[in-house]
């Protein structure tokens, strides 16, 4: 049986890049695809993360950086 070496990640909201980084930590090269041709800079005002979202960020060692950017509520 062969080991998985590559993966496709569809969607590059928050979960897409985090998934790609987690796959990279596992030794899997991921390519992220997004339907929108450009970033949505200036759209939206607040980002909320559920506890499982922070857990996912912890896997890629990005949780502390994200928590330092804004208030954390429990």
N, C-alpha and C. Protein backbone atom coordinates (compact mmCIF):
# COMPACT_ATOMS: atom_id res chain seq x y z
N UNK A 1 0.84 -1.17 0.00
CA UNK A 1 0.00 0.00 0.00
C UNK A 1 0.89 1.24 0.00
N UNK A 2 0.57 2.23 -0.85
CA UNK A 2 1.39 3.44 -0.94
C UNK A 2 0.91 4.50 0.04
N UNK A 3 1.85 5.31 0.48
CA UNK A 3 1.53 6.39 1.40
C UNK A 3 1.04 7.60 0.60
N UNK A 4 0.04 8.31 1.12
CA UNK A 4 -0.48 9.51 0.47
C UNK A 4 0.62 10.58 0.48
N UNK A 5 0.86 11.19 -0.68
CA UNK A 5 1.90 12.21 -0.79
C UNK A 5 1.36 13.58 -1.14
N UNK A 6 0.18 13.63 -1.76
CA UNK A 6 -0.40 14.91 -2.17
C UNK A 6 -1.88 14.94 -1.84
N UNK A 7 -2.42 16.16 -1.76
CA UNK A 7 -3.85 16.34 -1.49
C UNK A 7 -4.33 17.62 -2.14
N UNK A 8 -5.60 17.66 -2.47
CA UNK A 8 -6.25 18.87 -2.95
C UNK A 8 -7.14 19.40 -1.84
N UNK A 9 -7.07 20.69 -1.60
CA UNK A 9 -7.94 21.34 -0.62
C UNK A 9 -8.79 22.33 -1.41
N UNK A 10 -10.09 22.16 -1.34
CA UNK A 10 -11.00 23.01 -2.09
C UNK A 10 -11.59 24.06 -1.15
N UNK A 11 -11.30 25.31 -1.44
CA UNK A 11 -11.78 26.42 -0.62
C UNK A 11 -10.65 27.02 0.19
N UNK A 12 -10.51 28.33 0.10
CA UNK A 12 -9.40 28.94 0.83
C UNK A 12 -9.89 30.00 1.80
N UNK A 13 -10.99 29.69 2.46
CA UNK A 13 -11.41 30.56 3.56
C UNK A 13 -10.38 30.39 4.67
N UNK A 14 -10.80 30.19 5.86
CA UNK A 14 -9.86 29.96 6.95
C UNK A 14 -9.47 28.49 7.01
N UNK A 15 -10.44 27.63 6.84
CA UNK A 15 -10.18 26.20 6.99
C UNK A 15 -9.25 25.64 5.91
N UNK A 16 -9.32 26.16 4.69
CA UNK A 16 -8.48 25.63 3.61
C UNK A 16 -6.99 25.74 3.88
N UNK A 17 -6.48 26.94 4.13
CA UNK A 17 -5.05 27.07 4.41
C UNK A 17 -4.61 26.36 5.70
N UNK A 18 -5.47 26.36 6.72
CA UNK A 18 -5.13 25.65 7.96
C UNK A 18 -5.02 24.16 7.68
N UNK A 19 -5.94 23.64 6.89
CA UNK A 19 -5.88 22.23 6.51
C UNK A 19 -4.60 21.93 5.73
N UNK A 20 -4.26 22.80 4.79
CA UNK A 20 -3.04 22.61 4.00
C UNK A 20 -1.80 22.63 4.89
N UNK A 21 -1.75 23.52 5.86
CA UNK A 21 -0.60 23.57 6.77
C UNK A 21 -0.52 22.32 7.64
N UNK A 22 -1.67 21.84 8.11
CA UNK A 22 -1.68 20.62 8.91
C UNK A 22 -1.23 19.42 8.07
N UNK A 23 -1.67 19.36 6.82
CA UNK A 23 -1.22 18.28 5.93
C UNK A 23 0.28 18.37 5.70
N UNK A 24 0.80 19.58 5.53
CA UNK A 24 2.25 19.75 5.33
C UNK A 24 3.03 19.24 6.54
N UNK A 25 2.50 19.50 7.74
CA UNK A 25 3.17 18.99 8.95
C UNK A 25 3.19 17.47 8.97
N UNK A 26 2.21 16.85 8.29
CA UNK A 26 2.13 15.40 8.22
C UNK A 26 2.91 14.84 7.03
N UNK A 27 3.59 15.74 6.30
CA UNK A 27 4.39 15.29 5.17
C UNK A 27 3.63 15.14 3.87
N UNK A 28 2.46 15.77 3.79
CA UNK A 28 1.63 15.68 2.59
C UNK A 28 1.59 17.05 1.93
N UNK A 29 1.96 17.10 0.65
CA UNK A 29 1.94 18.35 -0.10
C UNK A 29 0.51 18.66 -0.53
N UNK A 30 -0.01 19.81 -0.10
CA UNK A 30 -1.39 20.17 -0.42
C UNK A 30 -1.43 21.36 -1.37
N UNK A 31 -2.36 21.32 -2.29
CA UNK A 31 -2.63 22.45 -3.17
C UNK A 31 -4.02 22.95 -2.85
N UNK A 32 -4.12 24.26 -2.59
CA UNK A 32 -5.40 24.87 -2.22
C UNK A 32 -6.00 25.54 -3.45
N UNK A 33 -7.27 25.24 -3.73
CA UNK A 33 -7.98 25.85 -4.84
C UNK A 33 -9.11 26.71 -4.30
N UNK A 34 -9.30 27.88 -4.92
CA UNK A 34 -10.35 28.81 -4.53
C UNK A 34 -11.08 29.28 -5.77
N UNK A 35 -12.40 29.39 -5.69
CA UNK A 35 -13.21 29.79 -6.84
C UNK A 35 -13.11 31.28 -7.14
N UNK A 36 -12.88 32.09 -6.12
CA UNK A 36 -12.82 33.54 -6.32
C UNK A 36 -11.44 33.94 -6.83
N UNK A 37 -11.39 34.79 -7.85
CA UNK A 37 -10.11 35.14 -8.47
C UNK A 37 -9.23 36.08 -7.65
N UNK A 38 -9.78 36.72 -6.62
CA UNK A 38 -8.99 37.66 -5.84
C UNK A 38 -9.43 37.63 -4.38
N UNK A 39 -8.59 38.21 -3.54
CA UNK A 39 -8.89 38.26 -2.10
C UNK A 39 -10.08 39.20 -1.86
N UNK A 40 -10.76 38.99 -0.75
CA UNK A 40 -11.91 39.82 -0.37
C UNK A 40 -11.48 40.85 0.66
N UNK A 41 -10.39 41.53 0.38
CA UNK A 41 -9.88 42.55 1.31
C UNK A 41 -10.95 43.60 1.60
N UNK A 42 -11.08 43.95 2.86
CA UNK A 42 -12.02 44.98 3.26
C UNK A 42 -13.45 44.49 3.43
N UNK A 43 -13.70 43.21 3.24
CA UNK A 43 -15.04 42.67 3.39
C UNK A 43 -15.13 42.01 4.76
N UNK A 44 -16.13 42.35 5.51
CA UNK A 44 -16.30 41.77 6.85
C UNK A 44 -15.58 42.59 7.90
N UNK A 45 -15.98 42.37 9.14
CA UNK A 45 -15.40 43.17 10.21
C UNK A 45 -14.91 42.33 11.38
N UNK A 46 -15.51 41.17 11.61
CA UNK A 46 -15.18 40.38 12.78
C UNK A 46 -15.01 38.92 12.38
N UNK A 47 -14.05 38.29 12.99
CA UNK A 47 -13.85 36.86 12.78
C UNK A 47 -14.02 36.17 14.12
N UNK A 48 -14.89 35.20 14.17
CA UNK A 48 -15.10 34.42 15.38
C UNK A 48 -14.60 33.00 15.15
N UNK A 49 -13.94 32.46 16.15
CA UNK A 49 -13.49 31.07 16.08
C UNK A 49 -14.07 30.30 17.25
N UNK A 50 -14.64 29.16 16.94
CA UNK A 50 -15.14 28.27 17.97
C UNK A 50 -13.96 27.56 18.62
N UNK A 51 -14.16 26.96 19.79
CA UNK A 51 -13.06 26.26 20.45
C UNK A 51 -12.38 25.21 19.55
N UNK A 52 -13.16 24.52 18.72
CA UNK A 52 -12.52 23.53 17.85
C UNK A 52 -11.67 24.21 16.77
N UNK A 53 -12.01 25.44 16.40
CA UNK A 53 -11.18 26.19 15.46
C UNK A 53 -9.83 26.55 16.08
N UNK A 54 -9.85 26.95 17.35
CA UNK A 54 -8.59 27.22 18.04
C UNK A 54 -7.78 25.95 18.21
N UNK A 55 -8.46 24.83 18.43
CA UNK A 55 -7.75 23.54 18.52
C UNK A 55 -7.06 23.22 17.21
N UNK A 56 -7.73 23.51 16.09
CA UNK A 56 -7.13 23.26 14.77
C UNK A 56 -5.92 24.16 14.57
N UNK A 57 -6.01 25.41 15.01
CA UNK A 57 -4.87 26.31 14.89
C UNK A 57 -3.71 25.86 15.77
N UNK A 58 -4.01 25.23 16.88
CA UNK A 58 -2.96 24.73 17.76
C UNK A 58 -2.15 23.64 17.07
N UNK A 59 -2.80 22.84 16.24
CA UNK A 59 -2.12 21.76 15.51
C UNK A 59 -1.01 22.33 14.63
N UNK A 60 -1.26 23.49 14.03
CA UNK A 60 -0.24 24.09 13.14
C UNK A 60 0.56 25.17 13.87
N UNK A 61 0.42 25.22 15.19
CA UNK A 61 1.16 26.14 16.04
C UNK A 61 0.88 27.60 15.69
N UNK A 62 -0.38 27.91 15.38
CA UNK A 62 -0.77 29.27 15.06
C UNK A 62 -1.77 29.84 16.06
N UNK A 63 -2.15 29.07 17.06
CA UNK A 63 -3.17 29.52 18.00
C UNK A 63 -2.73 30.74 18.80
N UNK A 64 -1.52 30.76 19.28
CA UNK A 64 -1.04 31.88 20.10
C UNK A 64 -0.97 33.16 19.29
N UNK A 65 -0.55 33.06 18.05
CA UNK A 65 -0.47 34.24 17.18
C UNK A 65 -1.86 34.82 16.95
N UNK A 66 -2.82 33.97 16.67
CA UNK A 66 -4.19 34.42 16.43
C UNK A 66 -4.79 35.02 17.71
N UNK A 67 -4.57 34.39 18.83
CA UNK A 67 -5.11 34.90 20.09
C UNK A 67 -4.49 36.25 20.46
N UNK A 68 -3.25 36.47 20.05
CA UNK A 68 -2.58 37.74 20.35
C UNK A 68 -3.15 38.89 19.51
N UNK A 69 -3.84 38.56 18.42
CA UNK A 69 -4.38 39.61 17.54
C UNK A 69 -5.71 40.17 18.01
N UNK A 70 -6.36 39.51 18.94
CA UNK A 70 -7.67 40.00 19.36
C UNK A 70 -8.08 39.40 20.68
N UNK A 71 -9.23 39.85 21.17
CA UNK A 71 -9.70 39.34 22.46
C UNK A 71 -10.11 37.88 22.38
N UNK A 72 -9.86 37.18 23.46
CA UNK A 72 -10.23 35.77 23.55
C UNK A 72 -11.26 35.65 24.67
N UNK A 73 -12.40 35.07 24.34
CA UNK A 73 -13.44 34.83 25.33
C UNK A 73 -13.60 33.35 25.51
N UNK A 74 -13.87 32.95 26.73
CA UNK A 74 -14.12 31.53 26.96
C UNK A 74 -15.57 31.26 27.17
